[in-house]
Amino acid sequence: MSMSPILSAAPIIQLHVAAAVVAILLGPLALYWRQGTRLHKTAGYIWACAMAVLALSSFGIHSFAVIGPFSPLHGLALFTLWSLYEGIRRAQAGEIAIHRRVFRSLYWFGVMIAGLFNFLPGRTINRALLPESPELGYALIALGLAVAAVAVIRPYAGRLRRLVTIWS
């Protein structure tokens, strides 16, 4: 492992990585700590700011450009900004269940799943964390997606079993 790919990257990428690290580390605290406490609110505000910086800084990164200077990841950044607005608006309106659902989805899909693709060979994170064997990035992505699929499907396992029983 070597931090030199991150330290030698463009400042916008360094900002993006720093915001991602804050968002990844603070996310569980903000999302799963008891609601309404000072710690929950403080962590939530810092997390939302980190997410905004993460999304906004992505517009300065064009190494994965598909359409002009933009990529599908920039669409995810727009969706992240909208989700932040929506989540905050729902909390202020007292619609806590929707607020929770929006921010948990944003964390798991906007940060963790999107973050997995930084392990593609050639990306800065891959070069920093897997310098000796960049192809391990594919295995990490596959493992992460499998864990995410199980986490998404698991709450519906009982319903799926009933459907399979009905169809049998």
N, C-alpha and C. Protein backbone atom coordinates (compact mmCIF):
# COMPACT_ATOMS: atom_id res chain seq x y z
N MET A 1 0.85 -1.17 0.00
CA MET A 1 0.00 0.00 0.00
C MET A 1 0.89 1.24 0.00
N SER A 2 0.51 2.22 -0.82
CA SER A 2 1.29 3.44 -0.93
C SER A 2 0.34 4.62 -1.13
N MET A 3 0.52 5.63 -0.35
CA MET A 3 -0.32 6.82 -0.47
C MET A 3 0.17 7.75 -1.58
N SER A 4 1.30 7.44 -2.21
CA SER A 4 1.86 8.34 -3.21
C SER A 4 0.93 8.59 -4.40
N PRO A 5 0.13 7.62 -4.89
CA PRO A 5 -0.78 7.96 -5.98
C PRO A 5 -1.81 9.03 -5.58
N ILE A 6 -2.23 9.01 -4.33
CA ILE A 6 -3.19 10.02 -3.87
C ILE A 6 -2.48 11.35 -3.64
N LEU A 7 -1.31 11.29 -3.01
CA LEU A 7 -0.58 12.53 -2.70
C LEU A 7 -0.06 13.22 -3.96
N SER A 8 0.17 12.47 -5.02
CA SER A 8 0.66 13.07 -6.26
C SER A 8 -0.48 13.37 -7.25
N ALA A 9 -1.71 13.05 -6.87
CA ALA A 9 -2.86 13.31 -7.74
C ALA A 9 -3.20 14.80 -7.74
N ALA A 10 -4.03 15.18 -8.69
CA ALA A 10 -4.49 16.57 -8.77
C ALA A 10 -5.22 16.95 -7.48
N PRO A 11 -5.16 18.21 -7.08
CA PRO A 11 -5.84 18.64 -5.84
C PRO A 11 -7.33 18.29 -5.81
N ILE A 12 -8.00 18.32 -6.95
CA ILE A 12 -9.43 18.00 -6.97
C ILE A 12 -9.66 16.54 -6.60
N ILE A 13 -8.75 15.66 -7.02
CA ILE A 13 -8.86 14.24 -6.66
C ILE A 13 -8.55 14.05 -5.18
N GLN A 14 -7.58 14.78 -4.66
CA GLN A 14 -7.27 14.71 -3.24
C GLN A 14 -8.47 15.16 -2.40
N LEU A 15 -9.12 16.24 -2.82
CA LEU A 15 -10.32 16.72 -2.13
C LEU A 15 -11.43 15.67 -2.19
N HIS A 16 -11.60 15.08 -3.36
CA HIS A 16 -12.61 14.05 -3.57
C HIS A 16 -12.36 12.84 -2.65
N VAL A 17 -11.11 12.40 -2.57
CA VAL A 17 -10.75 11.27 -1.72
C VAL A 17 -10.98 11.61 -0.25
N ALA A 18 -10.58 12.81 0.17
CA ALA A 18 -10.77 13.22 1.56
C ALA A 18 -12.25 13.25 1.93
N ALA A 19 -13.07 13.79 1.04
CA ALA A 19 -14.52 13.84 1.30
C ALA A 19 -15.09 12.43 1.36
N ALA A 20 -14.61 11.54 0.49
CA ALA A 20 -15.10 10.16 0.49
C ALA A 20 -14.73 9.45 1.79
N VAL A 21 -13.53 9.66 2.27
CA VAL A 21 -13.11 9.02 3.52
C VAL A 21 -13.98 9.50 4.68
N VAL A 22 -14.23 10.81 4.74
CA VAL A 22 -15.10 11.35 5.80
C VAL A 22 -16.50 10.76 5.67
N ALA A 23 -17.03 10.71 4.45
CA ALA A 23 -18.38 10.18 4.24
C ALA A 23 -18.48 8.70 4.60
N ILE A 24 -17.47 7.93 4.25
CA ILE A 24 -17.47 6.49 4.56
C ILE A 24 -17.40 6.26 6.06
N LEU A 25 -16.51 7.00 6.74
CA LEU A 25 -16.32 6.78 8.17
C LEU A 25 -17.46 7.34 9.02
N LEU A 26 -17.98 8.50 8.65
CA LEU A 26 -19.06 9.12 9.44
C LEU A 26 -20.44 8.57 9.12
N GLY A 27 -20.59 7.97 7.95
CA GLY A 27 -21.90 7.48 7.53
C GLY A 27 -22.60 6.61 8.54
N PRO A 28 -21.97 5.54 9.01
CA PRO A 28 -22.66 4.68 9.98
C PRO A 28 -23.04 5.40 11.27
N LEU A 29 -22.18 6.29 11.72
CA LEU A 29 -22.49 7.04 12.94
C LEU A 29 -23.71 7.93 12.72
N ALA A 30 -23.71 8.65 11.63
CA ALA A 30 -24.84 9.55 11.33
C ALA A 30 -26.12 8.77 11.06
N LEU A 31 -25.99 7.63 10.42
CA LEU A 31 -27.18 6.89 10.00
C LEU A 31 -27.78 5.98 11.06
N TYR A 32 -26.95 5.46 11.94
CA TYR A 32 -27.44 4.45 12.86
C TYR A 32 -27.41 4.85 14.34
N TRP A 33 -26.86 6.03 14.65
CA TRP A 33 -26.88 6.50 16.01
C TRP A 33 -28.30 6.92 16.36
N ARG A 34 -28.63 6.90 17.64
CA ARG A 34 -29.98 7.25 18.06
C ARG A 34 -30.38 8.62 17.52
N GLN A 35 -31.54 8.66 16.90
CA GLN A 35 -32.02 9.89 16.25
C GLN A 35 -32.27 11.00 17.25
N GLY A 36 -32.06 12.21 16.79
CA GLY A 36 -32.39 13.38 17.59
C GLY A 36 -31.31 13.80 18.57
N THR A 37 -30.29 12.96 18.77
CA THR A 37 -29.23 13.32 19.70
C THR A 37 -28.28 14.32 19.04
N ARG A 38 -27.54 15.02 19.87
CA ARG A 38 -26.58 16.00 19.34
C ARG A 38 -25.54 15.31 18.46
N LEU A 39 -25.09 14.11 18.86
CA LEU A 39 -24.10 13.37 18.07
C LEU A 39 -24.66 13.00 16.70
N HIS A 40 -25.90 12.52 16.67
CA HIS A 40 -26.54 12.17 15.40
C HIS A 40 -26.62 13.39 14.48
N LYS A 41 -27.07 14.50 15.03
CA LYS A 41 -27.23 15.71 14.21
C LYS A 41 -25.89 16.26 13.74
N THR A 42 -24.90 16.31 14.64
CA THR A 42 -23.59 16.83 14.26
C THR A 42 -22.94 15.94 13.20
N ALA A 43 -22.96 14.63 13.45
CA ALA A 43 -22.38 13.70 12.47
C ALA A 43 -23.14 13.80 11.15
N GLY A 44 -24.46 13.97 11.23
CA GLY A 44 -25.28 14.08 10.02
C GLY A 44 -24.95 15.32 9.21
N TYR A 45 -24.77 16.45 9.89
CA TYR A 45 -24.42 17.69 9.17
C TYR A 45 -23.05 17.56 8.51
N ILE A 46 -22.09 17.01 9.23
CA ILE A 46 -20.74 16.85 8.66
C ILE A 46 -20.79 15.85 7.50
N TRP A 47 -21.54 14.76 7.68
CA TRP A 47 -21.67 13.76 6.62
C TRP A 47 -22.31 14.37 5.36
N ALA A 48 -23.38 15.15 5.55
CA ALA A 48 -24.05 15.77 4.41
C ALA A 48 -23.10 16.75 3.70
N CYS A 49 -22.31 17.50 4.46
CA CYS A 49 -21.33 18.40 3.84
C CYS A 49 -20.28 17.61 3.08
N ALA A 50 -19.80 16.52 3.67
CA ALA A 50 -18.81 15.68 2.98
C ALA A 50 -19.40 15.11 1.69
N MET A 51 -20.65 14.70 1.74
CA MET A 51 -21.31 14.17 0.54
C MET A 51 -21.44 15.25 -0.53
N ALA A 52 -21.77 16.47 -0.12
CA ALA A 52 -21.88 17.57 -1.08
C ALA A 52 -20.52 17.85 -1.72
N VAL A 53 -19.46 17.88 -0.91
CA VAL A 53 -18.11 18.09 -1.45
C VAL A 53 -17.74 16.94 -2.38
N LEU A 54 -18.07 15.73 -1.98
CA LEU A 54 -17.79 14.55 -2.80
C LEU A 54 -18.46 14.67 -4.17
N ALA A 55 -19.75 15.02 -4.16
CA ALA A 55 -20.49 15.14 -5.42
C ALA A 55 -19.98 16.30 -6.26
N LEU A 56 -19.79 17.45 -5.64
CA LEU A 56 -19.35 18.63 -6.40
C LEU A 56 -17.94 18.47 -6.94
N SER A 57 -17.05 17.86 -6.16
CA SER A 57 -15.68 17.69 -6.64
C SER A 57 -15.60 16.73 -7.82
N SER A 58 -16.58 15.84 -7.94
CA SER A 58 -16.55 14.90 -9.06
C SER A 58 -16.65 15.62 -10.41
N PHE A 59 -17.23 16.81 -10.42
CA PHE A 59 -17.36 17.54 -11.68
C PHE A 59 -16.01 18.07 -12.17
N GLY A 60 -15.00 18.04 -11.32
CA GLY A 60 -13.66 18.44 -11.74
C GLY A 60 -12.79 17.26 -12.15
N ILE A 61 -13.36 16.05 -12.10
CA ILE A 61 -12.62 14.84 -12.46
C ILE A 61 -13.18 14.33 -13.78
N HIS A 62 -12.31 14.27 -14.80
CA HIS A 62 -12.78 13.89 -16.14
C HIS A 62 -12.04 12.69 -16.72
N SER A 63 -11.37 11.92 -15.86
CA SER A 63 -10.57 10.80 -16.36
C SER A 63 -11.40 9.63 -16.87
N PHE A 64 -12.69 9.64 -16.56
CA PHE A 64 -13.58 8.55 -16.97
C PHE A 64 -14.65 9.08 -17.92
N ALA A 65 -14.29 10.10 -18.70
CA ALA A 65 -15.24 10.80 -19.56
C ALA A 65 -15.82 9.88 -20.63
N VAL A 66 -17.13 9.99 -20.84
CA VAL A 66 -17.82 9.21 -21.86
C VAL A 66 -18.51 10.14 -22.85
N ILE A 67 -19.19 11.15 -22.32
CA ILE A 67 -19.92 12.12 -23.13
C ILE A 67 -19.27 13.48 -22.89
N GLY A 68 -18.39 13.89 -23.80
CA GLY A 68 -17.64 15.12 -23.57
C GLY A 68 -16.79 14.93 -22.32
N PRO A 69 -16.82 15.88 -21.39
CA PRO A 69 -16.04 15.72 -20.16
C PRO A 69 -16.77 14.92 -19.08
N PHE A 70 -17.98 14.43 -19.38
CA PHE A 70 -18.81 13.80 -18.35
C PHE A 70 -18.91 12.29 -18.50
N SER A 71 -19.27 11.64 -17.41
CA SER A 71 -19.46 10.20 -17.38
C SER A 71 -20.75 9.90 -16.62
N PRO A 72 -21.16 8.65 -16.61
CA PRO A 72 -22.34 8.29 -15.81
C PRO A 72 -22.17 8.62 -14.33
N LEU A 73 -20.93 8.67 -13.86
CA LEU A 73 -20.70 9.03 -12.47
C LEU A 73 -21.13 10.47 -12.17
N HIS A 74 -21.08 11.32 -13.17
CA HIS A 74 -21.55 12.69 -12.95
C HIS A 74 -23.07 12.73 -12.79
N GLY A 75 -23.76 11.80 -13.43
CA GLY A 75 -25.20 11.67 -13.19
C GLY A 75 -25.46 11.24 -11.76
N LEU A 76 -24.62 10.33 -11.24
CA LEU A 76 -24.73 9.93 -9.85
C LEU A 76 -24.48 11.11 -8.92
N ALA A 77 -23.55 11.98 -9.29
CA ALA A 77 -23.27 13.16 -8.48
C ALA A 77 -24.49 14.08 -8.43
N LEU A 78 -25.16 14.28 -9.57
CA LEU A 78 -26.38 15.09 -9.58
C LEU A 78 -27.46 14.45 -8.70
N PHE A 79 -27.59 13.13 -8.82
CA PHE A 79 -28.57 12.42 -8.00
C PHE A 79 -28.22 12.54 -6.51
N THR A 80 -26.94 12.52 -6.19
CA THR A 80 -26.50 12.69 -4.80
C THR A 80 -26.89 14.05 -4.27
N LEU A 81 -26.66 15.08 -5.06
CA LEU A 81 -27.02 16.44 -4.62
C LEU A 81 -28.53 16.56 -4.42
N TRP A 82 -29.30 15.98 -5.33
CA TRP A 82 -30.75 16.01 -5.17
C TRP A 82 -31.17 15.23 -3.93
N SER A 83 -30.55 14.07 -3.69
CA SER A 83 -30.88 13.25 -2.52
C SER A 83 -30.54 13.98 -1.22
N LEU A 84 -29.43 14.69 -1.20
CA LEU A 84 -29.08 15.48 -0.01
C LEU A 84 -30.15 16.53 0.27
N TYR A 85 -30.55 17.24 -0.78
CA TYR A 85 -31.60 18.24 -0.62
C TYR A 85 -32.89 17.59 -0.11
N GLU A 86 -33.27 16.50 -0.74
CA GLU A 86 -34.51 15.81 -0.38
C GLU A 86 -34.46 15.27 1.04
N GLY A 87 -33.34 14.66 1.43
CA GLY A 87 -33.21 14.11 2.77
C GLY A 87 -33.28 15.17 3.85
N ILE A 88 -32.62 16.29 3.61
CA ILE A 88 -32.66 17.40 4.57
C ILE A 88 -34.05 18.00 4.63
N ARG A 89 -34.67 18.18 3.48
CA ARG A 89 -36.02 18.73 3.43
C ARG A 89 -37.00 17.84 4.19
N ARG A 90 -36.88 16.53 4.01
CA ARG A 90 -37.78 15.59 4.70
C ARG A 90 -37.57 15.62 6.20
N ALA A 91 -36.32 15.76 6.65
CA ALA A 91 -36.06 15.84 8.10
C ALA A 91 -36.68 17.11 8.67
N GLN A 92 -36.51 18.23 7.96
CA GLN A 92 -37.08 19.49 8.44
C GLN A 92 -38.59 19.46 8.45
N ALA A 93 -39.19 18.67 7.56
CA ALA A 93 -40.65 18.56 7.52
C ALA A 93 -41.17 17.53 8.53
N GLY A 94 -40.26 16.87 9.25
CA GLY A 94 -40.67 15.87 10.23
C GLY A 94 -40.97 14.51 9.63
N GLU A 95 -40.65 14.32 8.36
CA GLU A 95 -40.88 13.05 7.69
C GLU A 95 -39.64 12.17 7.87
N ILE A 96 -39.45 11.71 9.10
CA ILE A 96 -38.21 11.05 9.48
C ILE A 96 -38.02 9.71 8.79
N ALA A 97 -39.07 8.96 8.57
CA ALA A 97 -38.93 7.65 7.90
C ALA A 97 -38.39 7.84 6.48
N ILE A 98 -38.89 8.85 5.77
CA ILE A 98 -38.40 9.11 4.41
C ILE A 98 -36.98 9.64 4.46
N HIS A 99 -36.71 10.55 5.42
CA HIS A 99 -35.37 11.09 5.62
C HIS A 99 -34.37 9.95 5.82
N ARG A 100 -34.71 9.01 6.70
CA ARG A 100 -33.84 7.88 6.99
C ARG A 100 -33.62 7.03 5.74
N ARG A 101 -34.69 6.74 5.01
CA ARG A 101 -34.60 5.90 3.81
C ARG A 101 -33.74 6.56 2.74
N VAL A 102 -33.91 7.86 2.54
CA VAL A 102 -33.13 8.58 1.52
C VAL A 102 -31.65 8.54 1.88
N PHE A 103 -31.32 8.86 3.13
CA PHE A 103 -29.90 8.95 3.49
C PHE A 103 -29.24 7.58 3.59
N ARG A 104 -29.96 6.57 4.05
CA ARG A 104 -29.37 5.23 4.08
C ARG A 104 -29.12 4.73 2.66
N SER A 105 -30.06 4.97 1.77
CA SER A 105 -29.87 4.57 0.37
C SER A 105 -28.69 5.32 -0.24
N LEU A 106 -28.60 6.60 0.06
CA LEU A 106 -27.50 7.41 -0.47
C LEU A 106 -26.16 6.89 0.04
N TYR A 107 -26.10 6.51 1.30
CA TYR A 107 -24.85 5.98 1.85
C TYR A 107 -24.47 4.67 1.17
N TRP A 108 -25.40 3.73 1.16
CA TRP A 108 -25.06 2.41 0.65
C TRP A 108 -24.86 2.37 -0.85
N PHE A 109 -25.68 3.09 -1.59
CA PHE A 109 -25.55 3.05 -3.05
C PHE A 109 -24.68 4.17 -3.59
N GLY A 110 -24.80 5.36 -3.02
CA GLY A 110 -24.04 6.50 -3.51
C GLY A 110 -22.60 6.52 -3.07
N VAL A 111 -22.31 5.98 -1.90
CA VAL A 111 -20.94 6.00 -1.40
C VAL A 111 -20.28 4.63 -1.55
N MET A 112 -20.91 3.64 -0.96
CA MET A 112 -20.25 2.34 -0.89
C MET A 112 -20.21 1.63 -2.25
N ILE A 113 -21.33 1.56 -2.95
CA ILE A 113 -21.33 0.87 -4.25
C ILE A 113 -20.53 1.66 -5.28
N ALA A 114 -20.77 2.96 -5.37
CA ALA A 114 -19.99 3.77 -6.32
C ALA A 114 -18.51 3.73 -5.96
N GLY A 115 -18.22 3.72 -4.66
CA GLY A 115 -16.83 3.66 -4.23
C GLY A 115 -16.12 2.38 -4.64
N LEU A 116 -16.87 1.30 -4.75
CA LEU A 116 -16.26 0.04 -5.19
C LEU A 116 -15.58 0.17 -6.54
N PHE A 117 -16.16 0.96 -7.41
CA PHE A 117 -15.62 1.07 -8.77
C PHE A 117 -14.31 1.86 -8.83
N ASN A 118 -13.90 2.43 -7.69
CA ASN A 118 -12.58 3.05 -7.62
C ASN A 118 -11.48 2.00 -7.52
N PHE A 119 -11.87 0.74 -7.37
CA PHE A 119 -10.89 -0.34 -7.32
C PHE A 119 -10.60 -0.92 -8.70
N LEU A 120 -11.19 -0.34 -9.75
CA LEU A 120 -10.84 -0.76 -11.11
C LEU A 120 -9.36 -0.48 -11.35
N PRO A 121 -8.66 -1.40 -11.99
CA PRO A 121 -7.24 -1.17 -12.27
C PRO A 121 -7.04 0.15 -13.03
N GLY A 122 -6.02 0.88 -12.59
CA GLY A 122 -5.70 2.16 -13.20
C GLY A 122 -6.24 3.35 -12.43
N ARG A 123 -7.26 3.13 -11.61
CA ARG A 123 -7.82 4.23 -10.82
C ARG A 123 -6.88 4.54 -9.66
N THR A 124 -6.94 5.76 -9.16
CA THR A 124 -6.02 6.21 -8.11
C THR A 124 -6.10 5.35 -6.86
N ILE A 125 -7.30 5.02 -6.41
CA ILE A 125 -7.45 4.20 -5.20
C ILE A 125 -6.87 2.81 -5.42
N ASN A 126 -7.07 2.24 -6.59
CA ASN A 126 -6.50 0.93 -6.88
C ASN A 126 -4.97 1.01 -6.82
N ARG A 127 -4.41 2.04 -7.43
CA ARG A 127 -2.95 2.19 -7.44
C ARG A 127 -2.41 2.39 -6.03
N ALA A 128 -3.19 3.07 -5.17
CA ALA A 128 -2.74 3.33 -3.80
C ALA A 128 -2.85 2.09 -2.92
N LEU A 129 -3.96 1.38 -3.01
CA LEU A 129 -4.21 0.27 -2.09
C LEU A 129 -3.78 -1.09 -2.62
N LEU A 130 -3.69 -1.23 -3.93
CA LEU A 130 -3.33 -2.53 -4.53
C LEU A 130 -2.20 -2.38 -5.55
N PRO A 131 -1.10 -1.75 -5.17
CA PRO A 131 -0.06 -1.47 -6.18
C PRO A 131 0.60 -2.72 -6.75
N GLU A 132 0.69 -3.79 -5.97
CA GLU A 132 1.36 -5.01 -6.42
C GLU A 132 0.49 -5.88 -7.31
N SER A 133 -0.83 -5.84 -7.08
CA SER A 133 -1.73 -6.70 -7.87
C SER A 133 -3.04 -5.96 -8.13
N PRO A 134 -3.03 -5.03 -9.09
CA PRO A 134 -4.22 -4.23 -9.37
C PRO A 134 -5.43 -5.05 -9.81
N GLU A 135 -5.20 -6.25 -10.36
CA GLU A 135 -6.33 -7.08 -10.79
C GLU A 135 -7.18 -7.56 -9.63
N LEU A 136 -6.67 -7.49 -8.39
CA LEU A 136 -7.47 -7.82 -7.22
C LEU A 136 -8.66 -6.87 -7.07
N GLY A 137 -8.57 -5.73 -7.72
CA GLY A 137 -9.67 -4.77 -7.70
C GLY A 137 -10.96 -5.39 -8.22
N TYR A 138 -10.85 -6.22 -9.25
CA TYR A 138 -12.04 -6.88 -9.80
C TYR A 138 -12.68 -7.79 -8.75
N ALA A 139 -11.85 -8.52 -8.01
CA ALA A 139 -12.37 -9.41 -6.97
C ALA A 139 -13.05 -8.61 -5.85
N LEU A 140 -12.44 -7.48 -5.47
CA LEU A 140 -13.05 -6.65 -4.43
C LEU A 140 -14.39 -6.09 -4.90
N ILE A 141 -14.46 -5.69 -6.14
CA ILE A 141 -15.72 -5.17 -6.68
C ILE A 141 -16.78 -6.26 -6.67
N ALA A 142 -16.42 -7.45 -7.14
CA ALA A 142 -17.37 -8.57 -7.17
C ALA A 142 -17.84 -8.93 -5.76
N LEU A 143 -16.92 -8.98 -4.83
CA LEU A 143 -17.26 -9.30 -3.44
C LEU A 143 -18.18 -8.22 -2.86
N GLY A 144 -17.83 -6.97 -3.07
CA GLY A 144 -18.66 -5.87 -2.57
C GLY A 144 -20.06 -5.88 -3.15
N LEU A 145 -20.18 -6.14 -4.45
CA LEU A 145 -21.50 -6.20 -5.08
C LEU A 145 -22.30 -7.39 -4.58
N ALA A 146 -21.63 -8.51 -4.31
CA ALA A 146 -22.33 -9.68 -3.77
C ALA A 146 -22.86 -9.39 -2.38
N VAL A 147 -22.05 -8.76 -1.55
CA VAL A 147 -22.49 -8.39 -0.20
C VAL A 147 -23.67 -7.42 -0.27
N ALA A 148 -23.58 -6.45 -1.17
CA ALA A 148 -24.67 -5.49 -1.33
C ALA A 148 -25.94 -6.18 -1.81
N ALA A 149 -25.81 -7.12 -2.73
CA ALA A 149 -26.99 -7.83 -3.23
C ALA A 149 -27.66 -8.61 -2.11
N VAL A 150 -26.86 -9.27 -1.29
CA VAL A 150 -27.42 -10.01 -0.16
C VAL A 150 -28.11 -9.05 0.81
N ALA A 151 -27.48 -7.92 1.08
CA ALA A 151 -28.07 -6.94 2.00
C ALA A 151 -29.39 -6.39 1.47
N VAL A 152 -29.47 -6.22 0.16
CA VAL A 152 -30.70 -5.69 -0.44
C VAL A 152 -31.78 -6.77 -0.49
N ILE A 153 -31.40 -7.99 -0.83
CA ILE A 153 -32.37 -9.07 -1.00
C ILE A 153 -32.82 -9.66 0.34
N ARG A 154 -31.95 -9.67 1.32
CA ARG A 154 -32.24 -10.32 2.60
C ARG A 154 -33.56 -9.90 3.24
N PRO A 155 -33.88 -8.60 3.31
CA PRO A 155 -35.16 -8.23 3.94
C PRO A 155 -36.38 -8.82 3.22
N TYR A 156 -36.20 -9.21 1.97
CA TYR A 156 -37.32 -9.74 1.18
C TYR A 156 -37.28 -11.26 1.08
N ALA A 157 -36.39 -11.91 1.81
CA ALA A 157 -36.20 -13.36 1.67
C ALA A 157 -37.48 -14.12 1.98
N GLY A 158 -38.19 -13.75 3.02
CA GLY A 158 -39.44 -14.43 3.36
C GLY A 158 -40.46 -14.33 2.26
N ARG A 159 -40.60 -13.15 1.70
CA ARG A 159 -41.55 -12.95 0.58
C ARG A 159 -41.13 -13.77 -0.63
N LEU A 160 -39.83 -13.80 -0.90
CA LEU A 160 -39.35 -14.56 -2.06
C LEU A 160 -39.61 -16.05 -1.86
N ARG A 161 -39.40 -16.56 -0.64
CA ARG A 161 -39.67 -17.97 -0.38
C ARG A 161 -41.14 -18.29 -0.60
N ARG A 162 -42.03 -17.40 -0.15
CA ARG A 162 -43.47 -17.62 -0.35
C ARG A 162 -43.82 -17.62 -1.83
N LEU A 163 -43.21 -16.71 -2.60
CA LEU A 163 -43.48 -16.67 -4.04
C LEU A 163 -43.00 -17.95 -4.72
N VAL A 164 -41.83 -18.43 -4.34
CA VAL A 164 -41.30 -19.66 -4.93
C VAL A 164 -42.21 -20.83 -4.57
N THR A 165 -42.72 -20.85 -3.34
CA THR A 165 -43.63 -21.92 -2.92
C THR A 165 -44.93 -21.86 -3.71
N ILE A 166 -45.44 -20.66 -3.93
CA ILE A 166 -46.68 -20.50 -4.70
C ILE A 166 -46.49 -20.97 -6.13
N TRP A 167 -45.33 -20.64 -6.73
CA TRP A 167 -45.07 -21.00 -8.13
C TRP A 167 -44.76 -22.48 -8.29
N SER A 168 -44.34 -23.14 -7.23
CA SER A 168 -43.95 -24.56 -7.33
C SER A 168 -45.13 -25.47 -7.44
